[in-house]
Amino acid sequence: MELRNRWIHFRIRDVYVPNPEVLLVALYGNDVLQGRVVEMSDSGDEREAFAVVRVEGLAEPVIVPVKQIQGIL
């Protein structure tokens, strides 16, 4: 079957170039996520601190700089 000029489906994790992480940032890097803070770094509430955040749908928590938090609910 000739694939040239055909639309196809594929998983992001199967991309060889660019690196899948680069691809995700390019596609979704400006999307805003929502999660619950479950832990803070030793810096506490200082702006250099980091928050450990549980995001629904992700198996592992993410770590975000406190100064990058865009809003609090």
PDB file of N, CA and C in Angstrom:
ATOM      1  N   MET A   1       0.851  -1.181   0.000  1.00  0.00           N
ATOM      2  CA  MET A   1       0.000   0.000   0.000  1.00  0.00           C
ATOM      3  C   MET A   1       0.893   1.238   0.000  1.00  0.00           C
ATOM      4  N   GLU A   2       0.583   2.159  -0.830  1.00  0.00           N
ATOM      5  CA  GLU A   2       1.317   3.424  -0.898  1.00  0.00           C
ATOM      6  C   GLU A   2       0.824   4.350   0.209  1.00  0.00           C
ATOM      7  N   LEU A   3       1.729   4.798   1.068  1.00  0.00           N
ATOM      8  CA  LEU A   3       1.361   5.666   2.190  1.00  0.00           C
ATOM      9  C   LEU A   3       1.596   7.139   1.906  1.00  0.00           C
ATOM     10  N   ARG A   4       2.426   7.442   0.954  1.00  0.00           N
ATOM     11  CA  ARG A   4       2.734   8.846   0.672  1.00  0.00           C
ATOM     12  C   ARG A   4       1.457   9.604   0.358  1.00  0.00           C
ATOM     13  N   ASN A   5       1.323  10.786   1.026  1.00  0.00           N
ATOM     14  CA  ASN A   5       0.161  11.686   0.890  1.00  0.00           C
ATOM     15  C   ASN A   5      -1.114  11.114   1.503  1.00  0.00           C
ATOM     16  N   ARG A   6      -0.982  10.127   2.385  1.00  0.00           N
ATOM     17  CA  ARG A   6      -2.140   9.558   3.080  1.00  0.00           C
ATOM     18  C   ARG A   6      -2.122  10.020   4.525  1.00  0.00           C
ATOM     19  N   TRP A   7      -3.285  10.252   5.108  1.00  0.00           N
ATOM     20  CA  TRP A   7      -3.404  10.562   6.529  1.00  0.00           C
ATOM     21  C   TRP A   7      -3.293   9.255   7.304  1.00  0.00           C
ATOM     22  N   ILE A   8      -2.589   9.279   8.425  1.00  0.00           N
ATOM     23  CA  ILE A   8      -2.413   8.082   9.237  1.00  0.00           C
ATOM     24  C   ILE A   8      -2.650   8.401  10.705  1.00  0.00           C
ATOM     25  N   HIS A   9      -2.787   7.392  11.537  1.00  0.00           N
ATOM     26  CA  HIS A   9      -2.881   7.528  12.991  1.00  0.00           C
ATOM     27  C   HIS A   9      -1.666   6.861  13.605  1.00  0.00           C
ATOM     28  N   PHE A  10      -1.142   7.441  14.678  1.00  0.00           N
ATOM     29  CA  PHE A  10      -0.014   6.846  15.396  1.00  0.00           C
ATOM     30  C   PHE A  10       0.013   7.395  16.806  1.00  0.00           C
ATOM     31  N   ARG A  11       0.691   6.672  17.705  1.00  0.00           N
ATOM     32  CA  ARG A  11       0.813   7.104  19.091  1.00  0.00           C
ATOM     33  C   ARG A  11       2.024   8.015  19.241  1.00  0.00           C
ATOM     34  N   ILE A  12       1.893   9.006  20.098  1.00  0.00           N
ATOM     35  CA  ILE A  12       2.996   9.936  20.343  1.00  0.00           C
ATOM     36  C   ILE A  12       4.226   9.178  20.818  1.00  0.00           C
ATOM     37  N   ARG A  13       4.061   8.171  21.655  1.00  0.00           N
ATOM     38  CA  ARG A  13       5.214   7.437  22.187  1.00  0.00           C
ATOM     39  C   ARG A  13       5.966   6.672  21.109  1.00  0.00           C
ATOM     40  N   ASP A  14       5.386   6.483  19.928  1.00  0.00           N
ATOM     41  CA  ASP A  14       6.051   5.770  18.847  1.00  0.00           C
ATOM     42  C   ASP A  14       6.850   6.685  17.909  1.00  0.00           C
ATOM     43  N   VAL A  15       6.812   7.987  18.147  1.00  0.00           N
ATOM     44  CA  VAL A  15       7.544   8.935  17.304  1.00  0.00           C
ATOM     45  C   VAL A  15       9.040   8.819  17.591  1.00  0.00           C
ATOM     46  N   TYR A  16       9.843   8.765  16.539  1.00  0.00           N
ATOM     47  CA  TYR A  16      11.296   8.701  16.690  1.00  0.00           C
ATOM     48  C   TYR A  16      11.902  10.102  16.694  1.00  0.00           C
ATOM     49  N   VAL A  17      11.474  10.969  15.791  1.00  0.00           N
ATOM     50  CA  VAL A  17      12.006  12.326  15.691  1.00  0.00           C
ATOM     51  C   VAL A  17      10.830  13.260  15.499  1.00  0.00           C
ATOM     52  N   PRO A  18      10.702  14.340  16.250  1.00  0.00           N
ATOM     53  CA  PRO A  18      11.542  14.696  17.384  1.00  0.00           C
ATOM     54  C   PRO A  18      11.224  13.805  18.581  1.00  0.00           C
ATOM     55  N   ASN A  19      11.994  13.961  19.624  1.00  0.00           N
ATOM     56  CA  ASN A  19      11.774  13.237  20.868  1.00  0.00           C
ATOM     57  C   ASN A  19      10.314  13.433  21.286  1.00  0.00           C
ATOM     58  N   PRO A  20       9.609  12.378  21.741  1.00  0.00           N
ATOM     59  CA  PRO A  20       8.202  12.537  22.128  1.00  0.00           C
ATOM     60  C   PRO A  20       7.957  13.657  23.135  1.00  0.00           C
ATOM     61  N   GLU A  21       8.894  13.892  24.053  1.00  0.00           N
ATOM     62  CA  GLU A  21       8.716  14.981  25.017  1.00  0.00           C
ATOM     63  C   GLU A  21       8.707  16.345  24.317  1.00  0.00           C
ATOM     64  N   VAL A  22       9.573  16.503  23.322  1.00  0.00           N
ATOM     65  CA  VAL A  22       9.614  17.750  22.554  1.00  0.00           C
ATOM     66  C   VAL A  22       8.296  17.938  21.816  1.00  0.00           C
ATOM     67  N   LEU A  23       7.787  16.875  21.259  1.00  0.00           N
ATOM     68  CA  LEU A  23       6.516  16.916  20.533  1.00  0.00           C
ATOM     69  C   LEU A  23       5.370  17.323  21.448  1.00  0.00           C
ATOM     70  N   LEU A  24       5.324  16.741  22.635  1.00  0.00           N
ATOM     71  CA  LEU A  24       4.265  17.072  23.585  1.00  0.00           C
ATOM     72  C   LEU A  24       4.318  18.530  24.010  1.00  0.00           C
ATOM     73  N   VAL A  25       5.511  19.040  24.246  1.00  0.00           N
ATOM     74  CA  VAL A  25       5.644  20.451  24.630  1.00  0.00           C
ATOM     75  C   VAL A  25       5.192  21.352  23.481  1.00  0.00           C
ATOM     76  N   ALA A  26       5.558  20.996  22.268  1.00  0.00           N
ATOM     77  CA  ALA A  26       5.153  21.806  21.119  1.00  0.00           C
ATOM     78  C   ALA A  26       3.635  21.817  20.939  1.00  0.00           C
ATOM     79  N   LEU A  27       3.002  20.669  21.159  1.00  0.00           N
ATOM     80  CA  LEU A  27       1.553  20.569  20.964  1.00  0.00           C
ATOM     81  C   LEU A  27       0.743  21.091  22.140  1.00  0.00           C
ATOM     82  N   TYR A  28       1.212  20.795  23.365  1.00  0.00           N
ATOM     83  CA  TYR A  28       0.388  21.051  24.544  1.00  0.00           C
ATOM     84  C   TYR A  28       1.074  21.877  25.624  1.00  0.00           C
ATOM     85  N   GLY A  29       2.219  22.439  25.326  1.00  0.00           N
ATOM     86  CA  GLY A  29       3.007  23.141  26.335  1.00  0.00           C
ATOM     87  C   GLY A  29       2.313  24.315  26.994  1.00  0.00           C
ATOM     88  N   ASN A  30       1.339  24.912  26.333  1.00  0.00           N
ATOM     89  CA  ASN A  30       0.639  26.064  26.907  1.00  0.00           C
ATOM     90  C   ASN A  30      -0.693  25.698  27.540  1.00  0.00           C
ATOM     91  N   ASP A  31      -1.072  24.426  27.492  1.00  0.00           N
ATOM     92  CA  ASP A  31      -2.306  24.000  28.152  1.00  0.00           C
ATOM     93  C   ASP A  31      -2.168  24.169  29.661  1.00  0.00           C
ATOM     94  N   VAL A  32      -3.260  24.430  30.336  1.00  0.00           N
ATOM     95  CA  VAL A  32      -3.259  24.614  31.785  1.00  0.00           C
ATOM     96  C   VAL A  32      -3.863  23.370  32.427  1.00  0.00           C
ATOM     97  N   LEU A  33      -3.156  22.802  33.390  1.00  0.00           N
ATOM     98  CA  LEU A  33      -3.642  21.644  34.140  1.00  0.00           C
ATOM     99  C   LEU A  33      -4.135  22.090  35.504  1.00  0.00           C
ATOM    100  N   GLN A  34      -4.940  21.263  36.121  1.00  0.00           N
ATOM    101  CA  GLN A  34      -5.438  21.522  37.468  1.00  0.00           C
ATOM    102  C   GLN A  34      -5.133  20.312  38.328  1.00  0.00           C
ATOM    103  N   GLY A  35      -4.689  20.558  39.542  1.00  0.00           N
ATOM    104  CA  GLY A  35      -4.390  19.461  40.443  1.00  0.00           C
ATOM    105  C   GLY A  35      -4.413  19.918  41.884  1.00  0.00           C
ATOM    106  N   ARG A  36      -4.220  18.959  42.783  1.00  0.00           N
ATOM    107  CA  ARG A  36      -4.242  19.242  44.223  1.00  0.00           C
ATOM    108  C   ARG A  36      -2.827  19.109  44.764  1.00  0.00           C
ATOM    109  N   VAL A  37      -2.378  20.128  45.496  1.00  0.00           N
ATOM    110  CA  VAL A  37      -1.044  20.109  46.104  1.00  0.00           C
ATOM    111  C   VAL A  37      -1.060  19.087  47.237  1.00  0.00           C
ATOM    112  N   VAL A  38      -0.133  18.136  47.175  1.00  0.00           N
ATOM    113  CA  VAL A  38      -0.057  17.102  48.213  1.00  0.00           C
ATOM    114  C   VAL A  38       1.191  17.258  49.077  1.00  0.00           C
ATOM    115  N   GLU A  39       2.145  18.043  48.615  1.00  0.00           N
ATOM    116  CA  GLU A  39       3.386  18.233  49.373  1.00  0.00           C
ATOM    117  C   GLU A  39       4.084  19.482  48.866  1.00  0.00           C
ATOM    118  N   MET A  40       4.906  20.066  49.735  1.00  0.00           N
ATOM    119  CA  MET A  40       5.711  21.227  49.360  1.00  0.00           C
ATOM    120  C   MET A  40       7.178  20.899  49.596  1.00  0.00           C
ATOM    121  N   SER A  41       8.061  21.562  48.842  1.00  0.00           N
ATOM    122  CA  SER A  41       9.491  21.383  49.075  1.00  0.00           C
ATOM    123  C   SER A  41       9.868  22.040  50.399  1.00  0.00           C
ATOM    124  N   ASP A  42      11.084  21.841  50.831  1.00  0.00           N
ATOM    125  CA  ASP A  42      11.544  22.384  52.115  1.00  0.00           C
ATOM    126  C   ASP A  42      11.476  23.900  52.187  1.00  0.00           C
ATOM    127  N   SER A  43      11.392  24.561  51.039  1.00  0.00           N
ATOM    128  CA  SER A  43      11.345  26.028  51.027  1.00  0.00           C
ATOM    129  C   SER A  43       9.988  26.559  51.453  1.00  0.00           C
ATOM    130  N   GLY A  44       9.027  25.690  51.645  1.00  0.00           N
ATOM    131  CA  GLY A  44       7.702  26.119  52.105  1.00  0.00           C
ATOM    132  C   GLY A  44       6.981  26.977  51.103  1.00  0.00           C
ATOM    133  N   ASP A  45       6.478  28.120  51.558  1.00  0.00           N
ATOM    134  CA  ASP A  45       5.679  28.996  50.705  1.00  0.00           C
ATOM    135  C   ASP A  45       6.509  30.003  49.923  1.00  0.00           C
ATOM    136  N   GLU A  46       7.825  29.957  50.027  1.00  0.00           N
ATOM    137  CA  GLU A  46       8.662  30.885  49.282  1.00  0.00           C
ATOM    138  C   GLU A  46       8.479  30.662  47.790  1.00  0.00           C
ATOM    139  N   ARG A  47       8.723  31.689  46.992  1.00  0.00           N
ATOM    140  CA  ARG A  47       8.509  31.597  45.554  1.00  0.00           C
ATOM    141  C   ARG A  47       9.507  30.662  44.865  1.00  0.00           C
ATOM    142  N   GLU A  48      10.587  30.337  45.511  1.00  0.00           N
ATOM    143  CA  GLU A  48      11.547  29.392  44.951  1.00  0.00           C
ATOM    144  C   GLU A  48      11.173  27.956  45.287  1.00  0.00           C
ATOM    145  N   ALA A  49      10.098  27.770  46.020  1.00  0.00           N
ATOM    146  CA  ALA A  49       9.659  26.445  46.453  1.00  0.00           C
ATOM    147  C   ALA A  49       9.023  25.682  45.283  1.00  0.00           C
ATOM    148  N   PHE A  50       8.856  24.400  45.496  1.00  0.00           N
ATOM    149  CA  PHE A  50       8.188  23.543  44.523  1.00  0.00           C
ATOM    150  C   PHE A  50       6.992  22.878  45.189  1.00  0.00           C
ATOM    151  N   ALA A  51       5.933  22.683  44.403  1.00  0.00           N
ATOM    152  CA  ALA A  51       4.742  21.991  44.873  1.00  0.00           C
ATOM    153  C   ALA A  51       4.661  20.630  44.200  1.00  0.00           C
ATOM    154  N   VAL A  52       4.338  19.598  44.968  1.00  0.00           N
ATOM    155  CA  VAL A  52       4.071  18.270  44.427  1.00  0.00           C
ATOM    156  C   VAL A  52       2.558  18.205  44.235  1.00  0.00           C
ATOM    157  N   VAL A  53       2.128  17.956  42.997  1.00  0.00           N
ATOM    158  CA  VAL A  53       0.719  18.100  42.637  1.00  0.00           C
ATOM    159  C   VAL A  53       0.185  16.807  42.028  1.00  0.00           C
ATOM    160  N   ARG A  54      -0.965  16.360  42.528  1.00  0.00           N
ATOM    161  CA  ARG A  54      -1.678  15.216  41.947  1.00  0.00           C
ATOM    162  C   ARG A  54      -2.638  15.754  40.886  1.00  0.00           C
ATOM    163  N   VAL A  55      -2.510  15.241  39.678  1.00  0.00           N
ATOM    164  CA  VAL A  55      -3.371  15.635  38.572  1.00  0.00           C
ATOM    165  C   VAL A  55      -4.201  14.414  38.176  1.00  0.00           C
ATOM    166  N   GLU A  56      -5.499  14.567  38.141  1.00  0.00           N
ATOM    167  CA  GLU A  56      -6.379  13.464  37.762  1.00  0.00           C
ATOM    168  C   GLU A  56      -6.004  12.960  36.382  1.00  0.00           C
ATOM    169  N   GLY A  57      -5.876  11.652  36.256  1.00  0.00           N
ATOM    170  CA  GLY A  57      -5.532  11.054  34.985  1.00  0.00           C
ATOM    171  C   GLY A  57      -4.056  10.736  34.830  1.00  0.00           C
ATOM    172  N   LEU A  58      -3.221  11.258  35.717  1.00  0.00           N
ATOM    173  CA  LEU A  58      -1.791  10.954  35.689  1.00  0.00           C
ATOM    174  C   LEU A  58      -1.454  10.011  36.832  1.00  0.00           C
ATOM    175  N   ALA A  59      -0.662   9.004  36.538  1.00  0.00           N
ATOM    176  CA  ALA A  59      -0.317   8.006  37.553  1.00  0.00           C
ATOM    177  C   ALA A  59       0.630   8.556  38.607  1.00  0.00           C
ATOM    178  N   GLU A  60       1.506   9.458  38.213  1.00  0.00           N
ATOM    179  CA  GLU A  60       2.483  10.012  39.136  1.00  0.00           C
ATOM    180  C   GLU A  60       2.212  11.502  39.345  1.00  0.00           C
ATOM    181  N   PRO A  61       2.554  12.012  40.532  1.00  0.00           N
ATOM    182  CA  PRO A  61       2.392  13.455  40.749  1.00  0.00           C
ATOM    183  C   PRO A  61       3.404  14.236  39.912  1.00  0.00           C
ATOM    184  N   VAL A  62       3.117  15.490  39.683  1.00  0.00           N
ATOM    185  CA  VAL A  62       4.037  16.386  38.973  1.00  0.00           C
ATOM    186  C   VAL A  62       4.612  17.376  39.970  1.00  0.00           C
ATOM    187  N   ILE A  63       5.773  17.908  39.660  1.00  0.00           N
ATOM    188  CA  ILE A  63       6.422  18.899  40.521  1.00  0.00           C
ATOM    189  C   ILE A  63       6.477  20.207  39.752  1.00  0.00           C
ATOM    190  N   VAL A  64       5.945  21.256  40.372  1.00  0.00           N
ATOM    191  CA  VAL A  64       5.796  22.547  39.715  1.00  0.00           C
ATOM    192  C   VAL A  64       6.407  23.639  40.595  1.00  0.00           C
ATOM    193  N   PRO A  65       7.188  24.561  40.005  1.00  0.00           N
ATOM    194  CA  PRO A  65       7.664  25.698  40.799  1.00  0.00           C
ATOM    195  C   PRO A  65       6.472  26.529  41.285  1.00  0.00           C
ATOM    196  N   VAL A  66       6.480  26.903  42.559  1.00  0.00           N
ATOM    197  CA  VAL A  66       5.382  27.684  43.140  1.00  0.00           C
ATOM    198  C   VAL A  66       5.192  28.988  42.365  1.00  0.00           C
ATOM    199  N   LYS A  67       6.271  29.607  41.908  1.00  0.00           N
ATOM    200  CA  LYS A  67       6.154  30.886  41.189  1.00  0.00           C
ATOM    201  C   LYS A  67       5.440  30.738  39.852  1.00  0.00           C
ATOM    202  N   GLN A  68       5.272  29.498  39.371  1.00  0.00           N
ATOM    203  CA  GLN A  68       4.584  29.278  38.094  1.00  0.00           C
ATOM    204  C   GLN A  68       3.107  28.921  38.261  1.00  0.00           C
ATOM    205  N   ILE A  69       2.634  28.815  39.488  1.00  0.00           N
ATOM    206  CA  ILE A  69       1.222  28.529  39.733  1.00  0.00           C
ATOM    207  C   ILE A  69       0.404  29.721  39.263  1.00  0.00           C
ATOM    208  N   GLN A  70      -0.589  29.485  38.421  1.00  0.00           N
ATOM    209  CA  GLN A  70      -1.355  30.565  37.805  1.00  0.00           C
ATOM    210  C   GLN A  70      -2.621  30.925  38.550  1.00  0.00           C
ATOM    211  N   GLY A  71      -3.078  30.076  39.425  1.00  0.00           N
ATOM    212  CA  GLY A  71      -4.282  30.374  40.169  1.00  0.00           C
ATOM    213  C   GLY A  71      -4.490  29.350  41.260  1.00  0.00           C
ATOM    214  N   ILE A  72      -5.274  29.734  42.263  1.00  0.00           N
ATOM    215  CA  ILE A  72      -5.582  28.861  43.395  1.00  0.00           C
ATOM    216  C   ILE A  72      -7.086  28.806  43.548  1.00  0.00           C
ATOM    217  N   LEU A  73      -7.627  27.609  43.622  1.00  0.00           N
ATOM    218  CA  LEU A  73      -9.086  27.450  43.778  1.00  0.00           C
ATOM    219  C   LEU A  73      -9.444  27.213  45.228  1.00  0.00           C
TER     220      LEU A  73
END
